[in-house]
N, C-alpha and C. Protein backbone atom coordinates (compact mmCIF):
# COMPACT_ATOMS: atom_id res chain seq x y z
N MET A 1 -76.94 62.91 5.64
CA MET A 1 -75.69 62.25 5.88
C MET A 1 -74.55 63.14 5.40
N GLY A 2 -73.44 62.97 6.02
CA GLY A 2 -72.32 63.85 5.73
C GLY A 2 -71.54 63.46 4.50
N ARG A 3 -70.91 64.47 3.92
CA ARG A 3 -70.02 64.25 2.78
C ARG A 3 -68.56 64.28 3.21
N GLY A 4 -68.29 64.75 4.41
CA GLY A 4 -66.92 64.80 4.88
C GLY A 4 -66.14 65.95 4.27
N GLU A 5 -64.84 65.88 4.46
CA GLU A 5 -63.95 66.89 3.89
C GLU A 5 -63.88 66.73 2.38
N GLN A 6 -63.78 67.82 1.69
CA GLN A 6 -63.55 67.74 0.25
C GLN A 6 -62.09 68.06 0.00
N ALA A 7 -61.30 67.01 0.03
CA ALA A 7 -59.86 67.13 -0.17
C ALA A 7 -59.35 65.83 -0.76
N ARG A 8 -58.23 65.91 -1.46
CA ARG A 8 -57.61 64.68 -1.97
C ARG A 8 -57.35 63.74 -0.81
N ILE A 9 -57.31 62.46 -1.10
CA ILE A 9 -57.14 61.45 -0.05
C ILE A 9 -55.86 61.68 0.75
N ASP A 10 -54.82 62.15 0.12
CA ASP A 10 -53.57 62.38 0.85
C ASP A 10 -53.62 63.62 1.74
N GLU A 11 -54.72 64.35 1.65
CA GLU A 11 -54.90 65.54 2.50
C GLU A 11 -56.06 65.36 3.49
N GLN A 12 -56.69 64.20 3.48
CA GLN A 12 -57.79 63.92 4.40
C GLN A 12 -57.25 63.73 5.82
N HIS A 13 -58.00 64.17 6.78
CA HIS A 13 -57.66 63.95 8.19
C HIS A 13 -58.34 62.67 8.65
N ALA A 14 -57.60 61.83 9.35
CA ALA A 14 -58.12 60.54 9.78
C ALA A 14 -59.38 60.68 10.63
N ASP A 15 -59.42 61.69 11.49
CA ASP A 15 -60.60 61.86 12.34
C ASP A 15 -61.84 62.24 11.51
N ALA A 16 -61.65 62.98 10.44
CA ALA A 16 -62.77 63.36 9.58
C ALA A 16 -63.29 62.13 8.82
N VAL A 17 -62.39 61.27 8.36
CA VAL A 17 -62.80 60.06 7.66
C VAL A 17 -63.53 59.13 8.63
N ALA A 18 -63.01 58.99 9.84
CA ALA A 18 -63.67 58.15 10.85
C ALA A 18 -65.06 58.67 11.18
N ARG A 19 -65.20 59.96 11.30
CA ARG A 19 -66.52 60.56 11.59
C ARG A 19 -67.48 60.30 10.43
N LEU A 20 -67.01 60.43 9.21
CA LEU A 20 -67.83 60.16 8.03
C LEU A 20 -68.32 58.71 8.04
N MET A 21 -67.44 57.77 8.36
CA MET A 21 -67.84 56.37 8.44
C MET A 21 -68.85 56.15 9.56
N GLN A 22 -68.64 56.80 10.69
CA GLN A 22 -69.58 56.66 11.81
C GLN A 22 -70.97 57.15 11.43
N VAL A 23 -71.05 58.30 10.80
CA VAL A 23 -72.34 58.88 10.45
C VAL A 23 -73.00 58.09 9.32
N ASN A 24 -72.29 57.89 8.23
CA ASN A 24 -72.91 57.32 7.03
C ASN A 24 -73.08 55.81 7.07
N VAL A 25 -72.17 55.09 7.71
CA VAL A 25 -72.23 53.63 7.70
C VAL A 25 -72.72 53.09 9.04
N VAL A 26 -71.99 53.37 10.10
CA VAL A 26 -72.34 52.81 11.40
C VAL A 26 -73.72 53.29 11.85
N GLY A 27 -74.03 54.55 11.63
CA GLY A 27 -75.35 55.07 12.00
C GLY A 27 -76.47 54.32 11.30
N SER A 28 -76.30 54.04 10.02
CA SER A 28 -77.32 53.30 9.26
C SER A 28 -77.46 51.87 9.76
N ILE A 29 -76.35 51.24 10.10
CA ILE A 29 -76.40 49.87 10.60
C ILE A 29 -77.11 49.81 11.94
N ILE A 30 -76.82 50.74 12.83
CA ILE A 30 -77.47 50.77 14.15
C ILE A 30 -78.97 51.05 14.00
N CYS A 31 -79.34 51.95 13.12
CA CYS A 31 -80.77 52.21 12.88
C CYS A 31 -81.46 50.97 12.36
N ALA A 32 -80.83 50.26 11.43
CA ALA A 32 -81.42 49.05 10.88
C ALA A 32 -81.57 47.98 11.96
N LYS A 33 -80.60 47.88 12.83
CA LYS A 33 -80.67 46.92 13.94
C LYS A 33 -81.95 47.14 14.75
N HIS A 34 -82.19 48.38 15.12
CA HIS A 34 -83.37 48.70 15.93
C HIS A 34 -84.67 48.53 15.13
N ALA A 35 -84.62 48.82 13.84
CA ALA A 35 -85.80 48.62 13.00
C ALA A 35 -86.13 47.13 12.89
N VAL A 36 -85.13 46.30 12.72
CA VAL A 36 -85.36 44.85 12.63
C VAL A 36 -85.95 44.34 13.94
N ARG A 37 -85.40 44.79 15.05
CA ARG A 37 -85.94 44.35 16.35
C ARG A 37 -87.40 44.77 16.53
N GLY A 38 -87.75 45.93 16.03
CA GLY A 38 -89.12 46.41 16.18
C GLY A 38 -90.10 45.81 15.19
N MET A 39 -89.63 45.49 14.00
CA MET A 39 -90.53 45.03 12.94
C MET A 39 -90.55 43.52 12.74
N SER A 40 -89.46 42.85 13.03
CA SER A 40 -89.32 41.44 12.70
C SER A 40 -90.36 40.57 13.40
N THR A 41 -90.95 39.66 12.66
CA THR A 41 -91.89 38.71 13.24
C THR A 41 -91.18 37.80 14.24
N ALA A 42 -89.89 37.63 14.08
CA ALA A 42 -89.11 36.84 15.03
C ALA A 42 -89.05 37.50 16.41
N HIS A 43 -89.33 38.80 16.44
CA HIS A 43 -89.33 39.55 17.71
C HIS A 43 -90.73 40.03 18.07
N GLY A 44 -91.75 39.45 17.44
CA GLY A 44 -93.13 39.83 17.76
C GLY A 44 -93.69 40.97 16.93
N GLY A 45 -92.94 41.44 15.95
CA GLY A 45 -93.40 42.53 15.09
C GLY A 45 -94.29 42.01 13.97
N ARG A 46 -94.81 42.94 13.18
CA ARG A 46 -95.70 42.59 12.07
C ARG A 46 -94.99 42.59 10.72
N GLY A 47 -93.70 42.74 10.73
CA GLY A 47 -92.96 42.81 9.47
C GLY A 47 -92.87 44.24 8.98
N GLY A 48 -92.26 44.43 7.85
CA GLY A 48 -92.13 45.77 7.30
C GLY A 48 -90.98 45.84 6.31
N SER A 49 -90.62 47.04 5.98
CA SER A 49 -89.54 47.27 5.02
C SER A 49 -88.56 48.29 5.58
N ILE A 50 -87.31 48.12 5.21
CA ILE A 50 -86.27 49.08 5.56
C ILE A 50 -85.75 49.64 4.25
N VAL A 51 -85.70 50.94 4.16
CA VAL A 51 -85.20 51.60 2.96
C VAL A 51 -83.89 52.29 3.31
N THR A 52 -82.86 51.98 2.57
CA THR A 52 -81.58 52.68 2.74
C THR A 52 -81.37 53.57 1.53
N ILE A 53 -80.75 54.68 1.76
CA ILE A 53 -80.50 55.62 0.68
C ILE A 53 -78.99 55.78 0.53
N ALA A 54 -78.51 55.45 -0.63
CA ALA A 54 -77.09 55.58 -0.90
C ALA A 54 -76.89 56.75 -1.86
N SER A 55 -76.24 56.51 -2.97
CA SER A 55 -75.94 57.55 -3.92
C SER A 55 -75.43 56.90 -5.18
N VAL A 56 -75.53 57.60 -6.28
CA VAL A 56 -74.93 57.11 -7.52
C VAL A 56 -73.43 56.95 -7.33
N ALA A 57 -72.87 57.64 -6.36
CA ALA A 57 -71.45 57.54 -6.06
C ALA A 57 -71.06 56.14 -5.62
N ALA A 58 -72.02 55.35 -5.18
CA ALA A 58 -71.74 53.98 -4.77
C ALA A 58 -71.43 53.09 -5.97
N ARG A 59 -72.03 53.38 -7.11
CA ARG A 59 -71.87 52.53 -8.29
C ARG A 59 -70.93 53.12 -9.33
N ALA A 60 -70.80 54.41 -9.34
CA ALA A 60 -69.96 55.06 -10.35
C ALA A 60 -69.11 56.13 -9.68
N PRO A 61 -68.20 55.71 -8.78
CA PRO A 61 -67.40 56.71 -8.10
C PRO A 61 -66.58 57.55 -9.07
N ALA A 62 -66.64 58.82 -8.88
CA ALA A 62 -65.95 59.74 -9.77
C ALA A 62 -64.48 59.88 -9.42
N GLY A 63 -64.19 59.76 -8.13
CA GLY A 63 -62.81 59.94 -7.69
C GLY A 63 -62.32 61.36 -7.88
N ALA A 64 -63.23 62.26 -8.10
CA ALA A 64 -62.86 63.66 -8.31
C ALA A 64 -63.50 64.52 -7.25
N GLY A 65 -62.99 65.68 -7.07
CA GLY A 65 -63.59 66.62 -6.13
C GLY A 65 -63.33 66.30 -4.67
N GLY A 66 -62.44 65.36 -4.41
CA GLY A 66 -62.06 65.07 -3.04
C GLY A 66 -63.12 64.38 -2.22
N VAL A 67 -63.91 63.53 -2.85
CA VAL A 67 -64.99 62.85 -2.11
C VAL A 67 -64.85 61.33 -2.14
N VAL A 68 -63.66 60.82 -2.30
CA VAL A 68 -63.46 59.37 -2.35
C VAL A 68 -63.94 58.68 -1.07
N PRO A 69 -63.63 59.18 0.13
CA PRO A 69 -64.17 58.52 1.32
C PRO A 69 -65.70 58.52 1.36
N TYR A 70 -66.33 59.59 0.92
CA TYR A 70 -67.79 59.64 0.85
C TYR A 70 -68.31 58.55 -0.08
N GLU A 71 -67.69 58.43 -1.25
CA GLU A 71 -68.11 57.41 -2.20
C GLU A 71 -67.97 56.02 -1.59
N ALA A 72 -66.92 55.80 -0.82
CA ALA A 72 -66.71 54.50 -0.16
C ALA A 72 -67.81 54.21 0.85
N THR A 73 -68.28 55.23 1.58
CA THR A 73 -69.36 54.99 2.54
C THR A 73 -70.64 54.60 1.83
N LYS A 74 -70.90 55.18 0.69
CA LYS A 74 -72.12 54.85 -0.05
C LYS A 74 -72.04 53.45 -0.63
N GLY A 75 -70.86 53.04 -1.06
CA GLY A 75 -70.67 51.66 -1.50
C GLY A 75 -70.89 50.68 -0.36
N ALA A 76 -70.43 51.05 0.83
CA ALA A 76 -70.65 50.20 2.01
C ALA A 76 -72.14 50.07 2.31
N LEU A 77 -72.90 51.14 2.14
CA LEU A 77 -74.35 51.07 2.39
C LEU A 77 -75.05 50.15 1.40
N VAL A 78 -74.64 50.18 0.15
CA VAL A 78 -75.24 49.28 -0.85
C VAL A 78 -74.97 47.83 -0.46
N THR A 79 -73.73 47.53 -0.09
CA THR A 79 -73.37 46.18 0.32
C THR A 79 -74.14 45.77 1.57
N PHE A 80 -74.25 46.68 2.53
CA PHE A 80 -74.99 46.39 3.76
C PHE A 80 -76.45 46.08 3.46
N ALA A 81 -77.08 46.88 2.62
CA ALA A 81 -78.50 46.68 2.31
C ALA A 81 -78.74 45.32 1.65
N ARG A 82 -77.86 44.94 0.75
CA ARG A 82 -78.00 43.63 0.10
C ARG A 82 -77.85 42.51 1.12
N GLY A 83 -76.85 42.62 1.96
CA GLY A 83 -76.63 41.59 2.97
C GLY A 83 -77.76 41.54 3.98
N LEU A 84 -78.26 42.70 4.39
CA LEU A 84 -79.36 42.76 5.35
C LEU A 84 -80.59 42.07 4.79
N SER A 85 -80.91 42.32 3.53
CA SER A 85 -82.09 41.69 2.95
C SER A 85 -81.91 40.18 2.90
N ASN A 86 -80.73 39.70 2.59
CA ASN A 86 -80.49 38.25 2.59
C ASN A 86 -80.61 37.66 3.99
N GLU A 87 -80.22 38.42 4.97
CA GLU A 87 -80.21 37.92 6.34
C GLU A 87 -81.60 37.91 7.00
N VAL A 88 -82.39 38.96 6.77
CA VAL A 88 -83.63 39.06 7.54
C VAL A 88 -84.92 39.02 6.72
N ALA A 89 -84.85 39.16 5.42
CA ALA A 89 -86.08 39.17 4.62
C ALA A 89 -86.58 37.75 4.39
N SER A 90 -87.89 37.61 4.32
CA SER A 90 -88.45 36.28 4.05
C SER A 90 -88.59 36.05 2.57
């Protein structure tokens, strides 16, 4: 997964931040969607597990080194994984 530009937030380019969100967040959500459809007993699957990988940056953002948008994407993944488990896990 991408880390994006390493620049202060006031120097980040909007298209680079959008791309980072697409890769790190939207890509993971779309993959999970297809995994649920393939594994879920509600769709004829045998069940299974989905593992998401975030980063320590999700829980303890440093705010240094110009990676604040990256840290935000990892926080979004943690929130998504918790919500996904509540929604589809038995």
